[in-house]
Amino acid sequence: MADAAQDPRMTLEEFLLWEGEPDLRYELVNGSPVSMAPTSGVHATIAVNAAVEIDSRLASRPPCRATAEAGIAVDSGDYYLADIAATCEPPHGEPGVKDPFLVVEVLSPTTRLHDLGRKLDAYKALDGVREIWLVDSTRRWVQVWRRDGVTWRAQDHVGGGTFASPALEDEVEIARLYRNTGL
């Protein structure tokens, strides 16, 4: 996560209209725009692999789909860019993803603490989110969070194997998430 931009606090509506610096991506954190560090090749490859895995399982459930760099409004002062989010809401002309049910964050050294802390808590507070995958970009480690009624449960997966994804109604092979990364 890079430094906070110099702009003063703003509302979600102002943020969505704000353009910021060209070629930079921003999140709104506690009412302030925060520039995001560029993703590494491994990070981007994992995100694409996750999107492919998710989208292939949603092909028979239109309009359900995976969206990359998915803007998610979590409240009036926070708007996060998830690496991948899945939704069944039809595409629309407004910024962001409406009603995600699955969120994927790829953990990089610069984003790890933010993703495992504030962002994870915010995603868990969204009513429609049923599953969250945290995928490490430095080693084969995936933490899967699942909603069980009002309780969230996490399960760590290290190395290989598969994990169940009730949100996708299928198993996900960890090796597929790390395909072409060298990990």
C-alpha atoms as a PDB file:
ATOM      1  CA  MET A   1       0.000   0.000   0.000  1.00  0.00           C
ATOM      2  CA  ALA A   2       1.503   3.327  -0.991  1.00  0.00           C
ATOM      3  CA  ASP A   3       1.245   6.664   0.785  1.00  0.00           C
ATOM      4  CA  ALA A   4      -1.996   8.579   1.163  1.00  0.00           C
ATOM      5  CA  ALA A   5      -2.668  11.079  -1.606  1.00  0.00           C
ATOM      6  CA  GLN A   6      -2.556  14.765  -0.685  1.00  0.00           C
ATOM      7  CA  ASP A   7      -6.291  15.293  -1.226  1.00  0.00           C
ATOM      8  CA  PRO A   8      -8.458  15.949   1.851  1.00  0.00           C
ATOM      9  CA  ARG A   9     -11.086  13.514   3.076  1.00  0.00           C
ATOM     10  CA  MET A  10     -13.887  12.899   0.618  1.00  0.00           C
ATOM     11  CA  THR A  11     -17.181  11.079   0.401  1.00  0.00           C
ATOM     12  CA  LEU A  12     -17.629   7.888  -1.563  1.00  0.00           C
ATOM     13  CA  GLU A  13     -19.547   9.824  -4.232  1.00  0.00           C
ATOM     14  CA  GLU A  14     -16.722  12.386  -4.553  1.00  0.00           C
ATOM     15  CA  PHE A  15     -14.132   9.604  -4.724  1.00  0.00           C
ATOM     16  CA  LEU A  16     -15.975   7.815  -7.535  1.00  0.00           C
ATOM     17  CA  LEU A  17     -15.986  11.061  -9.569  1.00  0.00           C
ATOM     18  CA  TRP A  18     -12.374  11.935  -8.701  1.00  0.00           C
ATOM     19  CA  GLU A  19      -9.777  11.054 -11.325  1.00  0.00           C
ATOM     20  CA  GLY A  20      -6.507  11.168  -9.360  1.00  0.00           C
ATOM     21  CA  GLU A  21      -3.160  10.819 -11.086  1.00  0.00           C
ATOM     22  CA  PRO A  22      -3.099   9.050 -14.456  1.00  0.00           C
ATOM     23  CA  ASP A  23      -1.833   5.461 -14.364  1.00  0.00           C
ATOM     24  CA  LEU A  24      -2.368   5.102 -10.603  1.00  0.00           C
ATOM     25  CA  ARG A  25      -4.991   3.014  -8.857  1.00  0.00           C
ATOM     26  CA  TYR A  26      -6.610   4.259  -5.670  1.00  0.00           C
ATOM     27  CA  GLU A  27      -8.698   2.972  -2.808  1.00  0.00           C
ATOM     28  CA  LEU A  28     -10.730   5.148  -0.472  1.00  0.00           C
ATOM     29  CA  VAL A  29      -9.625   4.409   3.096  1.00  0.00           C
ATOM     30  CA  ASN A  30     -11.397   6.203   5.929  1.00  0.00           C
ATOM     31  CA  GLY A  31     -12.394   8.994   3.553  1.00  0.00           C
ATOM     32  CA  SER A  32      -8.931   9.529   2.067  1.00  0.00           C
ATOM     33  CA  PRO A  33      -7.714   8.355  -1.340  1.00  0.00           C
ATOM     34  CA  VAL A  34      -4.707   6.049  -1.025  1.00  0.00           C
ATOM     35  CA  SER A  35      -2.588   5.149  -4.052  1.00  0.00           C
ATOM     36  CA  MET A  36      -1.821   1.494  -4.544  1.00  0.00           C
ATOM     37  CA  ALA A  37       1.555   0.077  -5.458  1.00  0.00           C
ATOM     38  CA  PRO A  38       1.773  -1.597  -8.869  1.00  0.00           C
ATOM     39  CA  THR A  39       1.245  -5.349  -8.761  1.00  0.00           C
ATOM     40  CA  SER A  40       4.116  -7.747  -9.417  1.00  0.00           C
ATOM     41  CA  GLY A  41       4.024 -10.257 -12.252  1.00  0.00           C
ATOM     42  CA  VAL A  42       3.379 -13.098  -9.792  1.00  0.00           C
ATOM     43  CA  HIS A  43       0.576 -11.139  -8.129  1.00  0.00           C
ATOM     44  CA  ALA A  44      -1.089 -10.402 -11.462  1.00  0.00           C
ATOM     45  CA  THR A  45      -0.694 -14.008 -12.663  1.00  0.00           C
ATOM     46  CA  ILE A  46      -2.331 -15.374  -9.502  1.00  0.00           C
ATOM     47  CA  ALA A  47      -5.198 -12.887  -9.882  1.00  0.00           C
ATOM     48  CA  VAL A  48      -5.773 -13.922 -13.518  1.00  0.00           C
ATOM     49  CA  ASN A  49      -5.595 -17.598 -12.575  1.00  0.00           C
ATOM     50  CA  ALA A  50      -8.173 -17.080  -9.816  1.00  0.00           C
ATOM     51  CA  ALA A  51     -10.466 -15.186 -12.201  1.00  0.00           C
ATOM     52  CA  VAL A  52     -10.242 -18.006 -14.759  1.00  0.00           C
ATOM     53  CA  GLU A  53     -10.995 -20.648 -12.115  1.00  0.00           C
ATOM     54  CA  ILE A  54     -13.973 -18.682 -10.799  1.00  0.00           C
ATOM     55  CA  ASP A  55     -15.363 -17.631 -14.163  1.00  0.00           C
ATOM     56  CA  SER A  56     -15.198 -21.163 -15.598  1.00  0.00           C
ATOM     57  CA  ARG A  57     -17.350 -22.412 -12.728  1.00  0.00           C
ATOM     58  CA  LEU A  58     -19.869 -19.607 -13.188  1.00  0.00           C
ATOM     59  CA  ALA A  59     -20.272 -20.052 -16.953  1.00  0.00           C
ATOM     60  CA  SER A  60     -23.530 -21.972 -16.521  1.00  0.00           C
ATOM     61  CA  ARG A  61     -24.935 -19.394 -14.077  1.00  0.00           C
ATOM     62  CA  PRO A  62     -25.345 -16.151 -16.067  1.00  0.00           C
ATOM     63  CA  PRO A  63     -25.105 -13.298 -15.293  1.00  0.00           C
ATOM     64  CA  CYS A  64     -22.687 -14.547 -12.586  1.00  0.00           C
ATOM     65  CA  ARG A  65     -19.080 -13.705 -13.379  1.00  0.00           C
ATOM     66  CA  ALA A  66     -15.655 -12.849 -12.022  1.00  0.00           C
ATOM     67  CA  THR A  67     -14.453  -9.239 -12.164  1.00  0.00           C
ATOM     68  CA  ALA A  68     -10.814  -8.115 -11.902  1.00  0.00           C
ATOM     69  CA  GLU A  69      -9.756  -5.070  -9.866  1.00  0.00           C
ATOM     70  CA  ALA A  70     -13.270  -5.071  -8.530  1.00  0.00           C
ATOM     71  CA  GLY A  71     -14.258  -1.879  -6.757  1.00  0.00           C
ATOM     72  CA  ILE A  72     -16.277  -2.663  -3.648  1.00  0.00           C
ATOM     73  CA  ALA A  73     -17.994   0.033  -1.606  1.00  0.00           C
ATOM     74  CA  VAL A  74     -17.876  -1.269   1.957  1.00  0.00           C
ATOM     75  CA  ASP A  75     -19.297   1.863   3.593  1.00  0.00           C
ATOM     76  CA  SER A  76     -19.516   5.616   3.037  1.00  0.00           C
ATOM     77  CA  GLY A  77     -15.780   6.173   3.640  1.00  0.00           C
ATOM     78  CA  ASP A  78     -14.179   3.007   2.265  1.00  0.00           C
ATOM     79  CA  TYR A  79     -13.984   1.711  -1.299  1.00  0.00           C
ATOM     80  CA  TYR A  80     -11.573  -1.142  -1.918  1.00  0.00           C
ATOM     81  CA  LEU A  81     -10.211  -2.662  -5.104  1.00  0.00           C
ATOM     82  CA  ALA A  82     -10.332  -6.414  -4.630  1.00  0.00           C
ATOM     83  CA  ASP A  83      -8.088  -8.374  -6.965  1.00  0.00           C
ATOM     84  CA  ILE A  84     -11.117 -10.462  -7.984  1.00  0.00           C
ATOM     85  CA  ALA A  85     -14.778 -10.454  -6.960  1.00  0.00           C
ATOM     86  CA  ALA A  86     -17.633 -12.640  -8.140  1.00  0.00           C
ATOM     87  CA  THR A  87     -21.172 -11.355  -8.419  1.00  0.00           C
ATOM     88  CA  CYS A  88     -24.452 -12.425  -9.977  1.00  0.00           C
ATOM     89  CA  GLU A  89     -25.665  -8.862 -10.495  1.00  0.00           C
ATOM     90  CA  PRO A  90     -25.927  -7.917 -14.186  1.00  0.00           C
ATOM     91  CA  PRO A  91     -23.234  -5.532 -15.455  1.00  0.00           C
ATOM     92  CA  HIS A  92     -24.128  -1.856 -15.036  1.00  0.00           C
ATOM     93  CA  GLY A  93     -22.639   1.484 -16.014  1.00  0.00           C
ATOM     94  CA  GLU A  94     -21.648   2.562 -12.501  1.00  0.00           C
ATOM     95  CA  PRO A  95     -18.219   2.023 -10.932  1.00  0.00           C
ATOM     96  CA  GLY A  96     -17.699  -1.030  -8.780  1.00  0.00           C
ATOM     97  CA  VAL A  97     -19.188  -4.443  -8.246  1.00  0.00           C
ATOM     98  CA  LYS A  98     -22.642  -4.772  -6.737  1.00  0.00           C
ATOM     99  CA  ASP A  99     -23.308  -7.540  -4.221  1.00  0.00           C
ATOM    100  CA  PRO A 100     -20.155  -9.668  -4.451  1.00  0.00           C
ATOM    101  CA  PHE A 101     -20.514 -13.167  -3.016  1.00  0.00           C
ATOM    102  CA  LEU A 102     -16.844 -14.184  -3.368  1.00  0.00           C
ATOM    103  CA  VAL A 103     -13.807 -11.931  -2.914  1.00  0.00           C
ATOM    104  CA  VAL A 104     -10.166 -12.797  -3.694  1.00  0.00           C
ATOM    105  CA  GLU A 105      -7.198 -10.804  -2.436  1.00  0.00           C
ATOM    106  CA  VAL A 106      -3.670 -11.703  -3.537  1.00  0.00           C
ATOM    107  CA  LEU A 107      -1.314 -10.939  -0.670  1.00  0.00           C
ATOM    108  CA  SER A 108       1.870  -9.081  -1.586  1.00  0.00           C
ATOM    109  CA  PRO A 109       4.532  -7.892   0.860  1.00  0.00           C
ATOM    110  CA  THR A 110       3.291  -4.289   0.485  1.00  0.00           C
ATOM    111  CA  THR A 111      -0.429  -5.091   0.905  1.00  0.00           C
ATOM    112  CA  ARG A 112      -0.400  -8.074   3.280  1.00  0.00           C
ATOM    113  CA  LEU A 113      -1.188  -6.278   6.557  1.00  0.00           C
ATOM    114  CA  HIS A 114      -3.947  -4.136   5.033  1.00  0.00           C
ATOM    115  CA  ASP A 115      -5.494  -7.132   3.228  1.00  0.00           C
ATOM    116  CA  LEU A 116      -5.382  -9.390   6.311  1.00  0.00           C
ATOM    117  CA  GLY A 117      -6.690  -6.649   8.597  1.00  0.00           C
ATOM    118  CA  ARG A 118      -8.977  -3.816   7.605  1.00  0.00           C
ATOM    119  CA  LYS A 119      -9.985  -5.170   4.177  1.00  0.00           C
ATOM    120  CA  LEU A 120     -10.742  -8.683   5.437  1.00  0.00           C
ATOM    121  CA  ASP A 121     -12.876  -7.289   8.260  1.00  0.00           C
ATOM    122  CA  ALA A 122     -14.732  -5.005   5.838  1.00  0.00           C
ATOM    123  CA  TYR A 123     -15.475  -7.808   3.374  1.00  0.00           C
ATOM    124  CA  LYS A 124     -16.719 -10.046   6.189  1.00  0.00           C
ATOM    125  CA  ALA A 125     -19.151  -7.293   7.226  1.00  0.00           C
ATOM    126  CA  LEU A 126     -20.839  -7.263   3.785  1.00  0.00           C
ATOM    127  CA  ASP A 127     -24.061  -9.280   3.933  1.00  0.00           C
ATOM    128  CA  GLY A 128     -23.731 -10.956   0.534  1.00  0.00           C
ATOM    129  CA  VAL A 129     -20.119 -12.099   0.826  1.00  0.00           C
ATOM    130  CA  ARG A 130     -20.060 -15.834   1.535  1.00  0.00           C
ATOM    131  CA  GLU A 131     -16.424 -16.641   0.824  1.00  0.00           C
ATOM    132  CA  ILE A 132     -13.049 -14.849   0.839  1.00  0.00           C
ATOM    133  CA  TRP A 133      -9.792 -16.262  -0.524  1.00  0.00           C
ATOM    134  CA  LEU A 134      -6.479 -14.780   0.614  1.00  0.00           C
ATOM    135  CA  VAL A 135      -3.789 -16.063  -1.749  1.00  0.00           C
ATOM    136  CA  ASP A 136      -0.135 -15.457  -0.871  1.00  0.00           C
ATOM    137  CA  SER A 137       2.128 -14.270  -3.703  1.00  0.00           C
ATOM    138  CA  THR A 138       5.398 -15.397  -2.096  1.00  0.00           C
ATOM    139  CA  ARG A 139       4.578 -19.031  -1.245  1.00  0.00           C
ATOM    140  CA  ARG A 140       1.807 -21.567  -1.814  1.00  0.00           C
ATOM    141  CA  TRP A 141      -0.551 -20.604   0.979  1.00  0.00           C
ATOM    142  CA  VAL A 142      -4.256 -19.927   0.642  1.00  0.00           C
ATOM    143  CA  GLN A 143      -6.507 -18.946   3.511  1.00  0.00           C
ATOM    144  CA  VAL A 144     -10.190 -19.505   2.763  1.00  0.00           C
ATOM    145  CA  TRP A 145     -12.820 -17.761   4.866  1.00  0.00           C
ATOM    146  CA  ARG A 146     -16.401 -19.082   4.728  1.00  0.00           C
ATOM    147  CA  ARG A 147     -19.555 -17.686   6.247  1.00  0.00           C
ATOM    148  CA  ASP A 148     -21.471 -20.249   8.291  1.00  0.00           C
ATOM    149  CA  GLY A 149     -24.659 -18.400   9.185  1.00  0.00           C
ATOM    150  CA  VAL A 150     -23.374 -15.425  11.196  1.00  0.00           C
ATOM    151  CA  THR A 151     -19.996 -17.021  11.984  1.00  0.00           C
ATOM    152  CA  TRP A 152     -16.899 -16.855   9.809  1.00  0.00           C
ATOM    153  CA  ARG A 153     -14.469 -19.781   9.749  1.00  0.00           C
ATOM    154  CA  ALA A 154     -10.998 -19.803   8.208  1.00  0.00           C
ATOM    155  CA  GLN A 155      -9.049 -22.718   6.832  1.00  0.00           C
ATOM    156  CA  ASP A 156      -5.403 -22.585   5.755  1.00  0.00           C
ATOM    157  CA  HIS A 157      -4.138 -24.593   2.787  1.00  0.00           C
ATOM    158  CA  VAL A 158      -0.373 -24.936   2.357  1.00  0.00           C
ATOM    159  CA  GLY A 159       1.439 -26.448  -0.595  1.00  0.00           C
ATOM    160  CA  GLY A 160      -1.004 -28.292  -2.807  1.00  0.00           C
ATOM    161  CA  GLY A 161      -4.266 -30.146  -2.808  1.00  0.00           C
ATOM    162  CA  THR A 162      -7.726 -28.708  -3.189  1.00  0.00           C
ATOM    163  CA  PHE A 163     -10.242 -26.784  -1.130  1.00  0.00           C
ATOM    164  CA  ALA A 164     -14.012 -26.813  -1.238  1.00  0.00           C
ATOM    165  CA  SER A 165     -15.733 -23.679  -2.472  1.00  0.00           C
ATOM    166  CA  PRO A 166     -19.419 -23.781  -1.562  1.00  0.00           C
ATOM    167  CA  ALA A 167     -19.832 -20.394  -3.288  1.00  0.00           C
ATOM    168  CA  LEU A 168     -18.702 -21.990  -6.566  1.00  0.00           C
ATOM    169  CA  GLU A 169     -20.247 -25.384  -5.786  1.00  0.00           C
ATOM    170  CA  ASP A 170     -16.928 -27.058  -6.647  1.00  0.00           C
ATOM    171  CA  GLU A 171     -13.396 -27.885  -5.528  1.00  0.00           C
ATOM    172  CA  VAL A 172     -10.524 -25.536  -6.385  1.00  0.00           C
ATOM    173  CA  GLU A 173      -7.070 -26.924  -7.084  1.00  0.00           C
ATOM    174  CA  ILE A 174      -4.353 -24.831  -5.441  1.00  0.00           C
ATOM    175  CA  ALA A 175      -1.864 -25.640  -8.212  1.00  0.00           C
ATOM    176  CA  ARG A 176      -4.228 -23.933 -10.695  1.00  0.00           C
ATOM    177  CA  LEU A 177      -4.113 -20.702  -8.662  1.00  0.00           C
ATOM    178  CA  TYR A 178      -0.299 -20.757  -8.828  1.00  0.00           C
ATOM    179  CA  ARG A 179       0.019 -21.866 -12.477  1.00  0.00           C
ATOM    180  CA  ASN A 180       2.936 -20.186 -14.293  1.00  0.00           C
ATOM    181  CA  THR A 181       4.215 -18.380 -11.185  1.00  0.00           C
ATOM    182  CA  GLY A 182       7.237 -20.512 -10.340  1.00  0.00           C
ATOM    183  CA  LEU A 183       5.850 -21.103  -6.843  1.00  0.00           C
END
